[in-house]
C-alpha atoms as a PDB file:
ATOM      1  CA  MET A   1     -34.226  -4.396 -35.768  1.00  0.00           C
ATOM      2  CA  LEU A   2     -34.585  -1.313 -33.579  1.00  0.00           C
ATOM      3  CA  ASN A   3     -31.774   0.547 -35.394  1.00  0.00           C
ATOM      4  CA  LEU A   4     -30.602   2.289 -32.217  1.00  0.00           C
ATOM      5  CA  HIS A   5     -28.004   5.072 -32.482  1.00  0.00           C
ATOM      6  CA  VAL A   6     -25.520   4.369 -29.672  1.00  0.00           C
ATOM      7  CA  THR A   7     -22.736   6.628 -28.355  1.00  0.00           C
ATOM      8  CA  ILE A   8     -20.246   5.918 -25.542  1.00  0.00           C
ATOM      9  CA  ASP A   9     -19.186   8.899 -23.427  1.00  0.00           C
ATOM     10  CA  ALA A  10     -15.487   9.431 -24.202  1.00  0.00           C
ATOM     11  CA  ASN A  11     -14.923  10.947 -20.733  1.00  0.00           C
ATOM     12  CA  SER A  12     -16.371   7.964 -18.867  1.00  0.00           C
ATOM     13  CA  GLY A  13     -14.398   5.032 -17.541  1.00  0.00           C
ATOM     14  CA  PHE A  14     -11.385   4.612 -15.320  1.00  0.00           C
ATOM     15  CA  CYS A  15      -9.734   7.610 -13.693  1.00  0.00           C
ATOM     16  CA  PHE A  16      -5.923   7.690 -13.989  1.00  0.00           C
ATOM     17  CA  GLY A  17      -5.494   6.240 -10.458  1.00  0.00           C
ATOM     18  CA  VAL A  18      -7.425   3.096 -11.383  1.00  0.00           C
ATOM     19  CA  VAL A  19      -5.694   2.798 -14.789  1.00  0.00           C
ATOM     20  CA  TYR A  20      -2.327   2.921 -12.968  1.00  0.00           C
ATOM     21  CA  ALA A  21      -3.340   0.243 -10.401  1.00  0.00           C
ATOM     22  CA  ILE A  22      -4.704  -2.149 -13.037  1.00  0.00           C
ATOM     23  CA  GLN A  23      -1.649  -1.671 -15.254  1.00  0.00           C
ATOM     24  CA  MET A  24       0.634  -2.534 -12.308  1.00  0.00           C
ATOM     25  CA  ALA A  25      -1.451  -5.630 -11.525  1.00  0.00           C
ATOM     26  CA  GLU A  26      -1.457  -6.818 -15.150  1.00  0.00           C
ATOM     27  CA  ASP A  27       2.308  -6.310 -15.528  1.00  0.00           C
ATOM     28  CA  PHE A  28       2.991  -8.308 -12.369  1.00  0.00           C
ATOM     29  CA  LEU A  29       0.515 -11.080 -13.296  1.00  0.00           C
ATOM     30  CA  GLU A  30       2.161 -11.452 -16.685  1.00  0.00           C
ATOM     31  CA  GLU A  31       5.525 -11.983 -14.998  1.00  0.00           C
ATOM     32  CA  GLN A  32       4.573 -13.972 -11.897  1.00  0.00           C
ATOM     33  CA  GLY A  33       1.247 -15.647 -12.710  1.00  0.00           C
ATOM     34  CA  TYR A  34      -0.504 -14.593  -9.499  1.00  0.00           C
ATOM     35  CA  LEU A  35      -0.709 -11.605  -7.164  1.00  0.00           C
ATOM     36  CA  TYR A  36      -2.493 -10.833  -3.907  1.00  0.00           C
ATOM     37  CA  CYS A  37      -4.546  -7.639  -3.782  1.00  0.00           C
ATOM     38  CA  LEU A  38      -5.765  -6.055  -0.541  1.00  0.00           C
ATOM     39  CA  GLY A  39      -9.488  -5.479  -1.189  1.00  0.00           C
ATOM     40  CA  ASP A  40     -11.203  -5.244  -4.586  1.00  0.00           C
ATOM     41  CA  ILE A  41      -8.775  -3.532  -6.972  1.00  0.00           C
ATOM     42  CA  VAL A  42     -11.715  -1.476  -8.271  1.00  0.00           C
ATOM     43  CA  HIS A  43     -15.403  -1.269  -7.269  1.00  0.00           C
ATOM     44  CA  ASN A  44     -16.538  -3.184 -10.326  1.00  0.00           C
ATOM     45  CA  ASP A  45     -17.296  -6.916 -10.090  1.00  0.00           C
ATOM     46  CA  GLU A  46     -16.876  -7.539 -13.826  1.00  0.00           C
ATOM     47  CA  GLU A  47     -13.346  -6.062 -13.885  1.00  0.00           C
ATOM     48  CA  VAL A  48     -12.390  -7.835 -10.640  1.00  0.00           C
ATOM     49  CA  GLU A  49     -13.547 -11.148 -12.140  1.00  0.00           C
ATOM     50  CA  ARG A  50     -11.526 -10.525 -15.320  1.00  0.00           C
ATOM     51  CA  LEU A  51      -8.357  -9.981 -13.277  1.00  0.00           C
ATOM     52  CA  GLN A  52      -9.076 -12.924 -10.977  1.00  0.00           C
ATOM     53  CA  GLN A  53      -9.153 -15.143 -14.064  1.00  0.00           C
ATOM     54  CA  ARG A  54      -5.638 -13.852 -14.788  1.00  0.00           C
ATOM     55  CA  GLY A  55      -4.420 -14.769 -11.293  1.00  0.00           C
ATOM     56  CA  LEU A  56      -5.363 -11.857  -9.007  1.00  0.00           C
ATOM     57  CA  ARG A  57      -6.190 -13.086  -5.486  1.00  0.00           C
ATOM     58  CA  ILE A  58      -8.358 -10.686  -3.469  1.00  0.00           C
ATOM     59  CA  ILE A  59      -7.716 -10.765   0.288  1.00  0.00           C
ATOM     60  CA  ASP A  60      -8.966  -8.759   3.270  1.00  0.00           C
ATOM     61  CA  HIS A  61      -7.018  -7.360   6.237  1.00  0.00           C
ATOM     62  CA  GLU A  62      -7.603 -10.535   8.305  1.00  0.00           C
ATOM     63  CA  GLN A  63      -6.054 -12.704   5.579  1.00  0.00           C
ATOM     64  CA  LEU A  64      -3.186 -10.215   5.202  1.00  0.00           C
ATOM     65  CA  ARG A  65      -2.160 -10.873   8.826  1.00  0.00           C
ATOM     66  CA  GLU A  66      -1.674 -14.576   7.993  1.00  0.00           C
ATOM     67  CA  LEU A  67       0.252 -13.936   4.776  1.00  0.00           C
ATOM     68  CA  GLN A  68       4.071 -14.065   4.713  1.00  0.00           C
ATOM     69  CA  HIS A  69       6.842 -13.737   2.094  1.00  0.00           C
ATOM     70  CA  GLU A  70       4.419 -12.775  -0.700  1.00  0.00           C
ATOM     71  CA  SER A  71       3.741  -9.771  -2.933  1.00  0.00           C
ATOM     72  CA  VAL A  72       0.622  -7.705  -2.245  1.00  0.00           C
ATOM     73  CA  LEU A  73      -0.893  -4.895  -4.308  1.00  0.00           C
ATOM     74  CA  ILE A  74      -2.112  -1.773  -2.497  1.00  0.00           C
ATOM     75  CA  ARG A  75      -4.954  -0.395  -4.630  1.00  0.00           C
ATOM     76  CA  ALA A  76      -5.583   3.232  -5.611  1.00  0.00           C
ATOM     77  CA  HIS A  77      -7.587   3.984  -2.425  1.00  0.00           C
ATOM     78  CA  GLY A  78      -4.407   3.869  -0.306  1.00  0.00           C
ATOM     79  CA  GLU A  79      -3.876   2.260   3.102  1.00  0.00           C
ATOM     80  CA  PRO A  80      -3.268   3.358   6.720  1.00  0.00           C
ATOM     81  CA  PRO A  81       0.268   3.192   8.224  1.00  0.00           C
ATOM     82  CA  GLU A  82      -0.514  -0.092  10.067  1.00  0.00           C
ATOM     83  CA  THR A  83      -0.690  -1.947   6.729  1.00  0.00           C
ATOM     84  CA  TYR A  84       2.889  -0.918   5.914  1.00  0.00           C
ATOM     85  CA  GLN A  85       4.058  -1.897   9.410  1.00  0.00           C
ATOM     86  CA  LEU A  86       2.426  -5.324   9.061  1.00  0.00           C
ATOM     87  CA  ALA A  87       4.070  -5.802   5.647  1.00  0.00           C
ATOM     88  CA  LEU A  88       7.514  -5.251   7.220  1.00  0.00           C
ATOM     89  CA  LYS A  89       6.732  -7.687  10.022  1.00  0.00           C
ATOM     90  CA  ASN A  90       5.468 -10.411   7.654  1.00  0.00           C
ATOM     91  CA  ASN A  91       8.181  -9.844   5.029  1.00  0.00           C
ATOM     92  CA  LEU A  92       5.634  -8.856   2.382  1.00  0.00           C
ATOM     93  CA  THR A  93       6.586  -6.989  -0.774  1.00  0.00           C
ATOM     94  CA  LEU A  94       4.088  -4.185  -1.337  1.00  0.00           C
ATOM     95  CA  ILE A  95       3.293  -3.113  -4.875  1.00  0.00           C
ATOM     96  CA  ASP A  96       1.938   0.302  -4.009  1.00  0.00           C
ATOM     97  CA  ALA A  97      -0.610   1.602  -6.518  1.00  0.00           C
ATOM     98  CA  SER A  98      -2.004   4.268  -4.166  1.00  0.00           C
ATOM     99  CA  CYS A  99      -3.349   7.145  -6.243  1.00  0.00           C
ATOM    100  CA  PRO A 100      -1.020  10.199  -6.120  1.00  0.00           C
ATOM    101  CA  VAL A 101      -4.030  12.423  -5.279  1.00  0.00           C
ATOM    102  CA  VAL A 102      -4.855  10.182  -2.292  1.00  0.00           C
ATOM    103  CA  LEU A 103      -1.210  10.083  -1.134  1.00  0.00           C
ATOM    104  CA  LYS A 104      -1.019  13.876  -1.225  1.00  0.00           C
ATOM    105  CA  LEU A 105      -4.186  14.053   0.887  1.00  0.00           C
ATOM    106  CA  GLN A 106      -2.800  11.515   3.382  1.00  0.00           C
ATOM    107  CA  ASN A 107       0.353  13.627   3.783  1.00  0.00           C
ATOM    108  CA  ARG A 108      -1.632  16.828   4.335  1.00  0.00           C
ATOM    109  CA  ILE A 109      -3.823  15.173   6.981  1.00  0.00           C
ATOM    110  CA  LYS A 110      -0.729  13.744   8.722  1.00  0.00           C
ATOM    111  CA  THR A 111       0.839  17.244   8.804  1.00  0.00           C
ATOM    112  CA  SER A 112      -2.364  18.730  10.283  1.00  0.00           C
ATOM    113  CA  TYR A 113      -2.505  15.944  12.871  1.00  0.00           C
ATOM    114  CA  ASP A 114       1.136  16.499  13.854  1.00  0.00           C
ATOM    115  CA  LYS A 115       0.237  20.167  14.458  1.00  0.00           C
ATOM    116  CA  ARG A 116      -2.493  18.925  16.856  1.00  0.00           C
ATOM    117  CA  GLU A 117      -5.301  20.346  14.743  1.00  0.00           C
ATOM    118  CA  LYS A 118      -8.818  18.919  15.248  1.00  0.00           C
ATOM    119  CA  ILE A 119      -9.540  17.230  11.918  1.00  0.00           C
ATOM    120  CA  PHE A 120     -12.944  16.614  10.309  1.00  0.00           C
ATOM    121  CA  ILE A 121     -13.194  14.478   7.157  1.00  0.00           C
ATOM    122  CA  TYR A 122     -16.202  14.690   4.838  1.00  0.00           C
ATOM    123  CA  GLY A 123     -16.411  11.121   3.571  1.00  0.00           C
ATOM    124  CA  LYS A 124     -18.131   7.751   3.676  1.00  0.00           C
ATOM    125  CA  HIS A 125     -17.776   5.699   6.874  1.00  0.00           C
ATOM    126  CA  GLY A 126     -15.810   2.491   6.294  1.00  0.00           C
ATOM    127  CA  HIS A 127     -14.729   3.450   2.751  1.00  0.00           C
ATOM    128  CA  ALA A 128     -11.223   2.150   1.958  1.00  0.00           C
ATOM    129  CA  GLU A 129      -9.833   5.608   1.190  1.00  0.00           C
ATOM    130  CA  VAL A 130     -11.332   7.059   4.383  1.00  0.00           C
ATOM    131  CA  MET A 131      -9.789   4.243   6.476  1.00  0.00           C
ATOM    132  CA  GLY A 132      -6.397   5.191   5.028  1.00  0.00           C
ATOM    133  CA  LEU A 133      -6.989   8.856   5.901  1.00  0.00           C
ATOM    134  CA  LEU A 134      -8.144   8.041   9.434  1.00  0.00           C
ATOM    135  CA  GLY A 135      -4.971   6.007   9.895  1.00  0.00           C
ATOM    136  CA  GLN A 136      -2.898   9.180   9.476  1.00  0.00           C
ATOM    137  CA  THR A 137      -4.522  10.516  12.671  1.00  0.00           C
ATOM    138  CA  ASN A 138      -4.444   7.352  14.834  1.00  0.00           C
ATOM    139  CA  SER A 139      -8.217   7.285  14.199  1.00  0.00           C
ATOM    140  CA  GLN A 140      -8.599  10.626  16.024  1.00  0.00           C
ATOM    141  CA  ALA A 141     -10.194  12.501  13.106  1.00  0.00           C
ATOM    142  CA  VAL A 142     -13.988  12.751  12.900  1.00  0.00           C
ATOM    143  CA  VAL A 143     -15.576  11.327   9.738  1.00  0.00           C
ATOM    144  CA  PHE A 144     -19.025  12.622   8.755  1.00  0.00           C
ATOM    145  CA  GLU A 145     -21.320  12.061   5.788  1.00  0.00           C
ATOM    146  CA  SER A 146     -23.646  15.074   6.153  1.00  0.00           C
ATOM    147  CA  MET A 147     -23.982  18.448   7.842  1.00  0.00           C
ATOM    148  CA  ASP A 148     -26.579  16.991  10.244  1.00  0.00           C
ATOM    149  CA  GLU A 149     -24.151  14.291  11.341  1.00  0.00           C
ATOM    150  CA  LEU A 150     -21.328  16.816  11.778  1.00  0.00           C
ATOM    151  CA  LEU A 151     -23.465  19.033  14.025  1.00  0.00           C
ATOM    152  CA  GLN A 152     -24.065  16.103  16.387  1.00  0.00           C
ATOM    153  CA  HIS A 153     -20.403  16.471  17.443  1.00  0.00           C
ATOM    154  CA  GLU A 154     -19.087  19.027  19.872  1.00  0.00           C
ATOM    155  CA  LEU A 155     -17.219  21.303  17.481  1.00  0.00           C
ATOM    156  CA  PRO A 156     -14.150  23.411  18.334  1.00  0.00           C
ATOM    157  CA  ALA A 157     -14.028  27.105  17.375  1.00  0.00           C
ATOM    158  CA  ASN A 158     -11.358  26.274  14.738  1.00  0.00           C
ATOM    159  CA  ILE A 159     -12.190  23.424  12.375  1.00  0.00           C
ATOM    160  CA  THR A 160      -9.734  21.805   9.966  1.00  0.00           C
ATOM    161  CA  LEU A 161     -11.847  20.392   7.142  1.00  0.00           C
ATOM    162  CA  TYR A 162     -10.811  17.752   4.607  1.00  0.00           C
ATOM    163  CA  SER A 163     -12.726  15.616   2.126  1.00  0.00           C
ATOM    164  CA  GLN A 164     -12.527  12.170   0.596  1.00  0.00           C
ATOM    165  CA  THR A 165     -11.144  12.747  -2.939  1.00  0.00           C
ATOM    166  CA  THR A 166     -14.328  11.569  -4.714  1.00  0.00           C
ATOM    167  CA  LYS A 167     -16.863  13.780  -2.888  1.00  0.00           C
ATOM    168  CA  SER A 168     -18.854  16.561  -4.573  1.00  0.00           C
ATOM    169  CA  THR A 169     -17.037  19.912  -4.627  1.00  0.00           C
ATOM    170  CA  ASP A 170     -20.345  21.773  -4.286  1.00  0.00           C
ATOM    171  CA  SER A 171     -21.297  19.827  -1.139  1.00  0.00           C
ATOM    172  CA  PHE A 172     -17.856  20.438   0.383  1.00  0.00           C
ATOM    173  CA  TYR A 173     -18.098  24.206  -0.083  1.00  0.00           C
ATOM    174  CA  THR A 174     -21.715  24.246   1.146  1.00  0.00           C
ATOM    175  CA  ILE A 175     -20.535  22.596   4.392  1.00  0.00           C
ATOM    176  CA  LYS A 176     -17.738  25.159   4.712  1.00  0.00           C
ATOM    177  CA  SER A 177     -20.183  28.075   4.212  1.00  0.00           C
ATOM    178  CA  GLU A 178     -22.726  26.666   6.672  1.00  0.00           C
ATOM    179  CA  LEU A 179     -20.056  26.243   9.352  1.00  0.00           C
ATOM    180  CA  GLU A 180     -18.801  29.796   8.790  1.00  0.00           C
ATOM    181  CA  SER A 181     -22.354  31.149   8.988  1.00  0.00           C
ATOM    182  CA  LYS A 182     -22.587  29.518  12.421  1.00  0.00           C
ATOM    183  CA  GLY A 183     -19.480  31.417  13.526  1.00  0.00           C
ATOM    184  CA  TYR A 184     -16.833  28.687  13.183  1.00  0.00           C
ATOM    185  CA  GLU A 185     -13.354  29.425  11.837  1.00  0.00           C
ATOM    186  CA  VAL A 186     -12.884  26.903   8.996  1.00  0.00           C
ATOM    187  CA  ASN A 187      -9.566  25.884   7.471  1.00  0.00           C
ATOM    188  CA  ALA A 188     -11.012  24.122   4.403  1.00  0.00           C
ATOM    189  CA  ASN A 189      -8.574  21.933   2.462  1.00  0.00           C
ATOM    190  CA  ASP A 190     -10.081  21.211  -0.940  1.00  0.00           C
ATOM    191  CA  THR A 191      -8.440  17.904  -1.842  1.00  0.00           C
ATOM    192  CA  ILE A 192     -11.187  16.661  -4.153  1.00  0.00           C
ATOM    193  CA  CYS A 193      -9.935  15.031  -7.350  1.00  0.00           C
ATOM    194  CA  ARG A 194     -10.865  17.275 -10.269  1.00  0.00           C
ATOM    195  CA  GLN A 195     -10.898  14.349 -12.678  1.00  0.00           C
ATOM    196  CA  VAL A 196     -13.822  13.037 -10.627  1.00  0.00           C
ATOM    197  CA  SER A 197     -15.562  16.315  -9.711  1.00  0.00           C
ATOM    198  CA  ASN A 198     -15.491  17.630 -13.310  1.00  0.00           C
ATOM    199  CA  ARG A 199     -17.356  14.515 -14.429  1.00  0.00           C
ATOM    200  CA  ASP A 200     -20.521  15.946 -12.877  1.00  0.00           C
ATOM    201  CA  LYS A 201     -20.756  18.858 -15.371  1.00  0.00           C
ATOM    202  CA  GLU A 202     -19.539  16.746 -18.315  1.00  0.00           C
ATOM    203  CA  LEU A 203     -22.145  14.055 -17.606  1.00  0.00           C
ATOM    204  CA  ARG A 204     -25.000  16.559 -17.444  1.00  0.00           C
ATOM    205  CA  LYS A 205     -24.084  17.773 -20.941  1.00  0.00           C
ATOM    206  CA  PHE A 206     -23.757  14.195 -22.206  1.00  0.00           C
ATOM    207  CA  ALA A 207     -26.999  12.860 -20.689  1.00  0.00           C
ATOM    208  CA  ALA A 208     -29.041  15.749 -22.116  1.00  0.00           C
ATOM    209  CA  LYS A 209     -28.179  14.780 -25.711  1.00  0.00           C
ATOM    210  CA  PHE A 210     -29.978  11.396 -25.833  1.00  0.00           C
ATOM    211  CA  ASP A 211     -33.454   9.866 -25.756  1.00  0.00           C
ATOM    212  CA  LYS A 212     -32.226   7.347 -23.178  1.00  0.00           C
ATOM    213  CA  VAL A 213     -29.065   6.854 -21.130  1.00  0.00           C
ATOM    214  CA  LEU A 214     -27.495   3.646 -19.811  1.00  0.00           C
ATOM    215  CA  PHE A 215     -25.304   4.199 -16.782  1.00  0.00           C
ATOM    216  CA  VAL A 216     -22.916   1.260 -16.342  1.00  0.00           C
ATOM    217  CA  SER A 217     -21.366   0.795 -12.893  1.00  0.00           C
ATOM    218  CA  GLY A 218     -20.640  -1.678 -10.116  1.00  0.00           C
ATOM    219  CA  THR A 219     -23.165  -1.527  -7.256  1.00  0.00           C
ATOM    220  CA  LYS A 220     -20.315  -1.032  -4.718  1.00  0.00           C
ATOM    221  CA  SER A 221     -19.064   2.171  -6.350  1.00  0.00           C
ATOM    222  CA  SER A 222     -19.971   5.289  -4.320  1.00  0.00           C
ATOM    223  CA  ASN A 223     -18.810   7.416  -7.243  1.00  0.00           C
ATOM    224  CA  GLY A 224     -21.169   5.393  -9.470  1.00  0.00           C
ATOM    225  CA  LYS A 225     -24.186   6.050  -7.230  1.00  0.00           C
ATOM    226  CA  VAL A 226     -23.515   9.819  -7.269  1.00  0.00           C
ATOM    227  CA  LEU A 227     -22.923  10.039 -11.038  1.00  0.00           C
ATOM    228  CA  TYR A 228     -25.979   7.895 -11.806  1.00  0.00           C
ATOM    229  CA  GLN A 229     -28.125  10.414  -9.884  1.00  0.00           C
ATOM    230  CA  VAL A 230     -26.523  13.246 -11.910  1.00  0.00           C
ATOM    231  CA  CYS A 231     -27.586  11.504 -15.143  1.00  0.00           C
ATOM    232  CA  LYS A 232     -31.061  10.664 -13.827  1.00  0.00           C
ATOM    233  CA  GLU A 233     -31.681  14.295 -12.778  1.00  0.00           C
ATOM    234  CA  THR A 234     -30.673  15.500 -16.244  1.00  0.00           C
ATOM    235  CA  ASN A 235     -32.391  12.715 -18.188  1.00  0.00           C
ATOM    236  CA  PRO A 236     -35.148  10.812 -16.309  1.00  0.00           C
ATOM    237  CA  GLN A 237     -34.864   8.073 -18.986  1.00  0.00           C
ATOM    238  CA  THR A 238     -31.609   6.819 -17.417  1.00  0.00           C
ATOM    239  CA  TYR A 239     -31.147   3.134 -16.534  1.00  0.00           C
ATOM    240  CA  PHE A 240     -28.536   1.708 -14.132  1.00  0.00           C
ATOM    241  CA  ILE A 241     -26.916  -1.607 -15.108  1.00  0.00           C
ATOM    242  CA  SER A 242     -23.858  -3.477 -13.871  1.00  0.00           C
ATOM    243  CA  LYS A 243     -23.542  -5.962 -16.725  1.00  0.00           C
ATOM    244  CA  VAL A 244     -24.845  -6.720 -20.228  1.00  0.00           C
ATOM    245  CA  GLU A 245     -27.240  -9.415 -18.951  1.00  0.00           C
ATOM    246  CA  GLN A 246     -29.305  -6.735 -17.193  1.00  0.00           C
ATOM    247  CA  LEU A 247     -30.243  -5.018 -20.480  1.00  0.00           C
ATOM    248  CA  GLN A 248     -33.942  -5.262 -21.400  1.00  0.00           C
ATOM    249  CA  PRO A 249     -34.934  -4.754 -25.052  1.00  0.00           C
ATOM    250  CA  GLU A 250     -38.371  -3.402 -23.999  1.00  0.00           C
ATOM    251  CA  TRP A 251     -36.643  -0.266 -22.625  1.00  0.00           C
ATOM    252  CA  PHE A 252     -36.027   0.910 -26.201  1.00  0.00           C
ATOM    253  CA  THR A 253     -38.050   1.855 -29.261  1.00  0.00           C
ATOM    254  CA  THR A 254     -37.033   2.045 -32.921  1.00  0.00           C
ATOM    255  CA  GLY A 255     -34.495   4.670 -33.974  1.00  0.00           C
ATOM    256  CA  GLU A 256     -33.806   6.061 -30.484  1.00  0.00           C
ATOM    257  CA  THR A 257     -30.506   7.703 -29.562  1.00  0.00           C
ATOM    258  CA  ILE A 258     -28.809   5.986 -26.605  1.00  0.00           C
ATOM    259  CA  GLY A 259     -25.903   7.327 -24.554  1.00  0.00           C
ATOM    260  CA  ILE A 260     -23.694   4.962 -22.551  1.00  0.00           C
ATOM    261  CA  CYS A 261     -21.639   6.304 -19.658  1.00  0.00           C
ATOM    262  CA  GLY A 262     -20.192   5.087 -16.365  1.00  0.00           C
ATOM    263  CA  ALA A 263     -18.307   5.651 -13.127  1.00  0.00           C
ATOM    264  CA  THR A 264     -14.567   6.214 -12.657  1.00  0.00           C
ATOM    265  CA  SER A 265     -14.469   2.486 -11.795  1.00  0.00           C
ATOM    266  CA  THR A 266     -16.244   1.318 -14.964  1.00  0.00           C
ATOM    267  CA  PRO A 267     -13.979  -0.346 -17.567  1.00  0.00           C
ATOM    268  CA  MET A 268     -14.309   0.831 -21.172  1.00  0.00           C
ATOM    269  CA  TRP A 269     -14.510  -2.797 -22.396  1.00  0.00           C
ATOM    270  CA  LEU A 270     -17.723  -3.242 -20.375  1.00  0.00           C
ATOM    271  CA  MET A 271     -19.349  -0.141 -21.899  1.00  0.00           C
ATOM    272  CA  GLU A 272     -18.302  -1.424 -25.343  1.00  0.00           C
ATOM    273  CA  GLU A 273     -19.965  -4.787 -24.597  1.00  0.00           C
ATOM    274  CA  VAL A 274     -23.175  -2.959 -23.706  1.00  0.00           C
ATOM    275  CA  ARG A 275     -22.980  -0.950 -26.955  1.00  0.00           C
ATOM    276  CA  ASP A 276     -22.404  -4.117 -29.029  1.00  0.00           C
ATOM    277  CA  ALA A 277     -25.419  -5.817 -27.400  1.00  0.00           C
ATOM    278  CA  LEU A 278     -27.659  -2.805 -28.133  1.00  0.00           C
ATOM    279  CA  LEU A 279     -26.619  -2.821 -31.788  1.00  0.00           C
ATOM    280  CA  THR A 280     -27.970  -6.382 -32.181  1.00  0.00           C
ATOM    281  CA  TYR A 281     -31.515  -5.322 -31.169  1.00  0.00           C
END
């Protein structure tokens, strides 16, 4: 026996937006037996599989167009206006689990667009949340992932800046400062979710306490990729896994302290499974 000392980070796991979406899905599945969901309910394959076994049916936008007279869950990332228009046309009942933080951001972007402001969104191309934000502007807003990419565009003197809710606060303000130093007038709307951005500092403290760290996350989670890097910078002995089967006993030596943490899309039950497996070594 390796007698490992294992601790799960109490602040890791689902953010409230994901908790809310999964709770809505589970309540509906208990009543109806099945439910369509537009896109993966959360960027974690293990959790998606668990809910699929309970009757969740994941569909994409193409399949949504063919669907009629059914109930469909809108996940925490939110959706563009066209999705709601299509639902009316196809007589679909939408169970809207859009995160309140995302909805607030959508409304602010729509207001800016109605005022004819030129909108720039710091976010990941093709990300579900970003598609919903772009939809508020009839796809007129400019999405960029880095300062270099932003500077490839012809920029107006006055820039209205927004951010995907899960981006780094530091990066957002660095972009604002760099634009201002180049003489642009920047109306920066900080709409980053603090439950996500605060995780950065909390994780650094957590990762520093242990001999080794296991970061548990789905490979599709952008938040997971960022937070894994945060852990790895703080504690180079950090390993990324998506499921228990990826654990390797040779990573550990007798009596080590191990910290387990994860993304805002990582279920607590999965981190507990990892802990239980480590305790058998």
